[in-house]
Amino acid sequence: MKELLKRILLFFPVKWQIFINFRIRNGYFPNFEKPKSFNEKIQVRKLYDDNPLFVTCSDKYLVREFVGRKIGSEYLIPLLYVGEDLTVDILKSLSRNYVVKTTHDSGNVFLVKENDNIDYNNIVHNIREALKFDFGSMVHEPWYSKVEPKVIIEEMLLSELDVIPNDYKFHVFNSKSGNTTVILGVDFDRFTASQSRSFFDEQGNSIEMEIDYPNRKCKLPNIDNLNEMFKIAKILGSCFDYVRVDLYSVNNKIFFGELTFAMASGFAIFKSKEKDFEFGSYWEQS
């Protein structure tokens, strides 16, 4: 039934596809003329905002130059490979502990870790298929469709305990009057079945917010460079009325992850409709 509905929706204009999908997935009818909730505002961005920086900063390779200009190349994860194709020989030539992905989508990520049983052929097959795929068209995020598809391989970040570090997601909201609000979401146990996410304000106070994953309801992790991370997030987010800036802190060193302009493509799962509108109230959309 779901597959049939998806096929039927393809015959509708994009705006109506989003409208119907929104009602089904978010549980209420969206207002695209006067959006107030966070998810509504994401959909309006997808439909009407053609900021060229969305293309540059969604490209997992070109964004490195943007970040280097803004805050310095020392915050970039070491680059091991970038190219238009991928082969098993390329993968085997690299030292272990790296991440393989494409520049133009948001899903095909492969972690290659030392001592793992690695199926190189499977990685190559899936990456090559991803290179042919127009991710932007599928999710109606047009900036991704303008990104040149490439393969990018970066060093895998690992903590002192040899585990993937927490992901610090800074939601940066810039008002027309020049005020900036930053809400931090911390992801724990990424890539596991027990992944959770907690939210905090700039003073480190816990915020009652649950988006896509259970709220762990814990104190903000004690890291020495948190103030610097907030500062970096504000600098990287200064060009946009809203953007999510993902950063990592590994062995007291900060690394840039990515910039996200349409979290969950505007179908983020909030604990309640009211929380969707509360989160949206921080965003003064241009």
Protein backbone atom coordinates (compact mmCIF):
# COMPACT_ATOMS: atom_id res chain seq x y z
CA MET A 1 0.00 0.00 0.00
CA LYS A 2 2.82 2.42 0.91
CA GLU A 3 4.65 1.68 -2.33
CA LEU A 4 1.47 2.26 -4.33
CA LEU A 5 0.93 5.60 -2.58
CA LYS A 6 4.51 6.65 -3.36
CA ARG A 7 4.00 5.89 -7.04
CA ILE A 8 0.71 7.79 -7.15
CA LEU A 9 2.30 10.82 -5.47
CA LEU A 10 4.89 11.06 -8.23
CA PHE A 11 2.15 12.30 -10.56
CA PHE A 12 1.47 15.30 -8.31
CA PRO A 13 3.40 18.61 -8.38
CA VAL A 14 6.28 18.70 -5.87
CA LYS A 15 4.44 21.07 -3.54
CA TRP A 16 1.50 18.66 -3.30
CA GLN A 17 3.79 15.66 -2.86
CA ILE A 18 5.37 17.39 0.13
CA PHE A 19 1.98 18.52 1.46
CA ILE A 20 0.50 15.02 1.41
CA ASN A 21 3.65 13.38 2.74
CA PHE A 22 3.77 15.95 5.52
CA ARG A 23 0.21 15.19 6.63
CA ILE A 24 0.92 11.45 6.64
CA ARG A 25 4.29 11.59 8.39
CA ASN A 26 3.96 14.62 10.68
CA GLY A 27 0.30 14.18 11.59
CA TYR A 28 -1.00 17.66 10.75
CA PHE A 29 -1.61 19.80 7.66
CA PRO A 30 1.30 22.15 6.95
CA ASN A 31 0.94 25.89 6.40
CA PHE A 32 3.37 26.90 3.66
CA GLU A 33 2.16 30.52 3.55
CA LYS A 34 2.79 31.29 7.22
CA PRO A 35 4.98 28.44 8.52
CA LYS A 36 5.50 28.30 12.28
CA SER A 37 6.69 24.82 13.15
CA PHE A 38 10.26 23.71 12.52
CA ASN A 39 9.21 21.05 10.02
CA GLU A 40 6.99 23.52 8.13
CA LYS A 41 9.89 25.95 7.80
CA ILE A 42 12.17 23.21 6.48
CA GLN A 43 9.60 22.40 3.79
CA VAL A 44 9.29 26.07 2.81
CA ARG A 45 13.08 26.23 2.50
CA LYS A 46 13.01 23.18 0.22
CA LEU A 47 10.34 24.74 -1.97
CA TYR A 48 11.46 28.35 -2.23
CA ASP A 49 14.98 29.05 -0.91
CA ASP A 50 17.62 28.92 -3.65
CA ASN A 51 20.62 30.17 -1.66
CA PRO A 52 23.65 29.09 -3.76
CA LEU A 53 25.63 28.46 -0.58
CA PHE A 54 23.34 25.48 0.11
CA VAL A 55 24.97 23.74 -2.86
CA THR A 56 28.55 24.54 -1.86
CA CYS A 57 28.04 23.67 1.78
CA SER A 58 26.09 20.46 1.12
CA ASP A 59 28.90 19.18 -1.10
CA LYS A 60 31.01 17.09 1.27
CA TYR A 61 34.15 18.03 -0.64
CA LEU A 62 33.59 21.71 -1.51
CA VAL A 63 32.42 22.50 2.02
CA ARG A 64 35.97 21.83 3.19
CA GLU A 65 37.15 24.96 1.37
CA PHE A 66 34.28 26.98 2.89
CA VAL A 67 35.19 25.78 6.39
CA GLY A 68 38.89 26.41 5.79
CA ARG A 69 38.18 30.02 4.88
CA LYS A 70 35.84 30.57 7.82
CA ILE A 71 37.69 28.92 10.71
CA GLY A 72 40.88 27.32 9.36
CA SER A 73 41.85 24.00 7.80
CA GLU A 74 43.04 22.59 11.13
CA TYR A 75 39.41 21.78 11.95
CA LEU A 76 38.99 19.54 8.90
CA ILE A 77 39.05 15.74 9.14
CA PRO A 78 42.11 14.49 7.21
CA LEU A 79 41.23 13.73 3.59
CA LEU A 80 42.48 10.41 2.18
CA TYR A 81 40.85 10.32 -1.25
CA VAL A 82 38.49 12.17 -3.55
CA GLY A 83 37.57 11.08 -7.07
CA GLU A 84 34.85 10.29 -9.58
CA ASP A 85 35.04 6.52 -9.08
CA LEU A 86 35.98 3.92 -6.49
CA THR A 87 37.75 0.57 -6.82
CA VAL A 88 38.70 -2.23 -4.46
CA ASP A 89 42.37 -1.39 -5.06
CA ILE A 90 41.82 2.17 -3.88
CA LEU A 91 40.19 0.95 -0.67
CA LYS A 92 42.90 -1.61 0.01
CA SER A 93 45.64 0.96 -0.57
CA LEU A 94 44.44 3.06 2.35
CA SER A 95 45.27 2.49 5.97
CA ARG A 96 42.38 1.12 8.02
CA ASN A 97 39.94 3.24 10.04
CA TYR A 98 38.38 5.46 7.42
CA VAL A 99 34.94 6.59 6.24
CA VAL A 100 33.74 6.23 2.64
CA LYS A 101 30.86 8.34 1.31
CA THR A 102 29.63 10.30 -1.69
CA THR A 103 29.59 14.07 -1.93
CA HIS A 104 26.00 14.52 -3.05
CA ASP A 105 23.74 12.55 -0.72
CA SER A 106 23.02 11.94 2.93
CA GLY A 107 22.91 8.21 3.46
CA ASN A 108 25.61 6.10 1.85
CA VAL A 109 28.33 6.02 4.51
CA PHE A 110 30.66 3.07 5.08
CA LEU A 111 32.90 2.73 8.13
CA VAL A 112 36.05 0.73 7.48
CA LYS A 113 37.63 -0.16 10.79
CA GLU A 114 40.76 -2.11 11.52
CA ASN A 115 40.23 -5.82 12.27
CA ASP A 116 36.69 -5.77 10.83
CA ASN A 117 35.70 -8.31 8.20
CA ILE A 118 35.43 -5.92 5.27
CA ASP A 119 33.49 -6.63 2.09
CA TYR A 120 35.29 -4.25 -0.27
CA ASN A 121 33.25 -5.34 -3.28
CA ASN A 122 30.02 -4.47 -1.49
CA ILE A 123 31.31 -0.99 -0.63
CA VAL A 124 32.40 -0.35 -4.21
CA HIS A 125 29.09 -1.60 -5.63
CA ASN A 126 26.97 0.54 -3.31
CA ILE A 127 29.07 3.66 -3.79
CA ARG A 128 28.96 3.31 -7.57
CA GLU A 129 25.20 2.92 -7.44
CA ALA A 130 24.96 6.00 -5.21
CA LEU A 131 26.98 8.03 -7.73
CA LYS A 132 24.22 7.45 -10.30
CA PHE A 133 21.44 8.43 -7.90
CA ASP A 134 19.81 11.88 -7.71
CA PHE A 135 19.29 12.08 -3.96
CA GLY A 136 18.12 15.71 -4.13
CA SER A 137 15.25 14.83 -6.43
CA MET A 138 14.12 12.00 -4.17
CA VAL A 139 13.89 14.15 -1.03
CA HIS A 140 13.03 17.41 -2.83
CA GLU A 141 16.15 19.15 -1.56
CA PRO A 142 17.21 20.75 -4.86
CA TRP A 143 20.67 21.86 -3.72
CA TYR A 144 21.83 18.22 -3.55
CA SER A 145 20.88 17.74 -7.21
CA LYS A 146 23.37 20.47 -8.14
CA VAL A 147 26.29 18.83 -6.33
CA GLU A 148 28.77 17.02 -8.59
CA PRO A 149 28.73 13.34 -7.50
CA LYS A 150 32.13 12.21 -6.26
CA VAL A 151 33.61 9.74 -3.81
CA ILE A 152 35.28 11.10 -0.70
CA ILE A 153 37.22 9.15 1.92
CA GLU A 154 38.20 10.69 5.24
CA GLU A 155 40.06 9.39 8.22
CA MET A 156 37.75 7.88 10.85
CA LEU A 157 37.63 9.82 14.09
CA LEU A 158 38.08 7.59 17.13
CA SER A 159 38.30 8.50 20.80
CA GLU A 160 41.00 7.34 23.20
CA LEU A 161 38.77 4.34 23.91
CA ASP A 162 38.80 3.47 20.19
CA VAL A 163 35.10 4.23 19.76
CA ILE A 164 33.25 6.68 17.50
CA PRO A 165 32.97 9.99 19.40
CA ASN A 166 29.77 11.78 20.38
CA ASP A 167 28.28 13.96 17.66
CA TYR A 168 27.68 17.57 18.71
CA LYS A 169 24.92 19.10 16.58
CA PHE A 170 24.62 22.88 16.98
CA HIS A 171 21.32 24.32 15.75
CA VAL A 172 22.17 27.93 14.87
CA PHE A 173 19.28 30.40 14.51
CA ASN A 174 20.06 33.95 13.33
CA SER A 175 17.34 36.59 13.59
CA LYS A 176 16.92 39.58 11.27
CA SER A 177 17.85 41.87 14.16
CA GLY A 178 21.24 40.21 14.51
CA ASN A 179 20.56 37.99 17.53
CA THR A 180 21.83 34.42 17.49
CA THR A 181 20.38 31.48 19.40
CA VAL A 182 22.22 28.17 19.52
CA ILE A 183 20.72 24.92 20.76
CA LEU A 184 23.04 21.97 21.12
CA GLY A 185 21.96 18.41 20.47
CA VAL A 186 24.39 15.71 21.59
CA ASP A 187 24.14 12.29 19.96
CA PHE A 188 25.26 9.30 22.03
CA ASP A 189 26.01 5.74 20.82
CA ARG A 190 25.78 6.63 17.14
CA PHE A 191 25.32 3.81 14.64
CA THR A 192 23.90 1.54 17.36
CA ALA A 193 20.39 0.44 18.31
CA SER A 194 20.67 2.41 21.56
CA GLN A 195 21.36 5.80 19.96
CA SER A 196 19.96 8.70 21.98
CA ARG A 197 20.04 12.50 21.80
CA SER A 198 19.92 15.23 24.45
CA PHE A 199 19.51 19.00 24.05
CA PHE A 200 21.13 21.92 25.89
CA ASP A 201 21.24 25.71 25.78
CA GLU A 202 24.44 27.77 25.66
CA GLN A 203 24.66 27.76 29.45
CA GLY A 204 24.62 23.98 29.51
CA ASN A 205 21.08 23.70 30.84
CA SER A 206 19.10 20.68 29.70
CA ILE A 207 16.18 21.37 27.33
CA GLU A 208 13.10 19.17 27.29
CA MET A 209 13.23 18.27 23.62
CA GLU A 210 13.07 14.93 21.85
CA ILE A 211 13.72 14.69 18.10
CA ASP A 212 14.04 11.38 16.22
CA TYR A 213 15.79 9.63 19.14
CA PRO A 214 14.99 9.21 22.85
CA ASN A 215 16.19 11.98 25.16
CA ARG A 216 18.85 10.53 27.45
CA LYS A 217 18.08 13.19 30.11
CA CYS A 218 21.65 13.59 31.25
CA LYS A 219 24.02 16.39 32.06
CA LEU A 220 26.03 18.01 29.29
CA PRO A 221 29.26 16.04 28.76
CA ASN A 222 32.19 17.76 30.42
CA ILE A 223 34.55 18.76 27.62
CA ASP A 224 37.15 21.51 27.87
CA ASN A 225 36.58 23.07 24.44
CA LEU A 226 32.79 23.39 24.49
CA ASN A 227 32.86 27.20 24.47
CA GLU A 228 35.12 27.11 21.43
CA MET A 229 32.70 24.73 19.72
CA PHE A 230 29.82 27.15 20.29
CA LYS A 231 31.97 29.96 18.85
CA ILE A 232 32.87 27.91 15.77
CA ALA A 233 29.23 26.93 15.23
CA LYS A 234 28.20 30.59 15.26
CA ILE A 235 30.89 31.52 12.74
CA LEU A 236 29.99 28.71 10.35
CA GLY A 237 26.28 29.42 10.76
CA SER A 238 26.53 33.20 10.36
CA CYS A 239 25.55 33.13 6.64
CA PHE A 240 22.17 31.48 7.23
CA ASP A 241 18.94 32.16 9.13
CA TYR A 242 19.12 28.52 10.25
CA VAL A 243 21.65 25.74 9.84
CA ARG A 244 22.76 22.74 11.84
CA VAL A 245 26.51 22.63 12.39
CA ASP A 246 27.91 19.20 13.30
CA LEU A 247 31.19 19.11 15.20
CA TYR A 248 33.27 16.52 17.04
CA SER A 249 35.64 16.78 19.97
CA VAL A 250 38.30 14.08 19.87
CA ASN A 251 41.10 14.05 22.42
CA ASN A 252 40.42 17.75 23.08
CA LYS A 253 40.65 18.64 19.38
CA ILE A 254 37.65 19.97 17.43
CA PHE A 255 36.74 18.63 13.99
CA PHE A 256 34.09 19.80 11.52
CA GLY A 257 31.46 17.24 10.51
CA GLU A 258 28.89 18.81 8.18
CA LEU A 259 26.35 21.57 7.61
CA THR A 260 22.73 20.47 7.35
CA PHE A 261 20.01 22.70 5.89
CA ALA A 262 17.00 20.38 6.05
CA MET A 263 17.22 18.14 9.10
CA ALA A 264 15.28 14.91 8.49
CA SER A 265 14.10 16.63 5.28
CA GLY A 266 11.37 18.37 7.30
CA PHE A 267 9.91 15.14 8.67
CA ALA A 268 11.70 15.15 12.03
CA ILE A 269 9.85 13.17 14.68
CA PHE A 270 9.13 15.41 17.67
CA LYS A 271 7.69 14.04 20.88
CA SER A 272 4.65 16.24 20.28
CA LYS A 273 3.31 18.70 17.73
CA GLU A 274 3.75 21.46 20.32
CA LYS A 275 7.49 20.75 20.50
CA ASP A 276 7.74 21.03 16.72
CA PHE A 277 6.24 24.53 16.97
CA GLU A 278 8.40 25.41 19.97
CA PHE A 279 11.57 24.51 18.08
CA GLY A 280 10.32 26.42 15.07
CA SER A 281 9.82 29.56 17.16
CA TYR A 282 13.62 30.03 17.35
CA TRP A 283 13.80 30.33 13.55
CA GLU A 284 12.98 33.74 12.07
CA GLN A 285 12.82 32.66 8.45
CA SER A 286 13.95 35.16 5.82
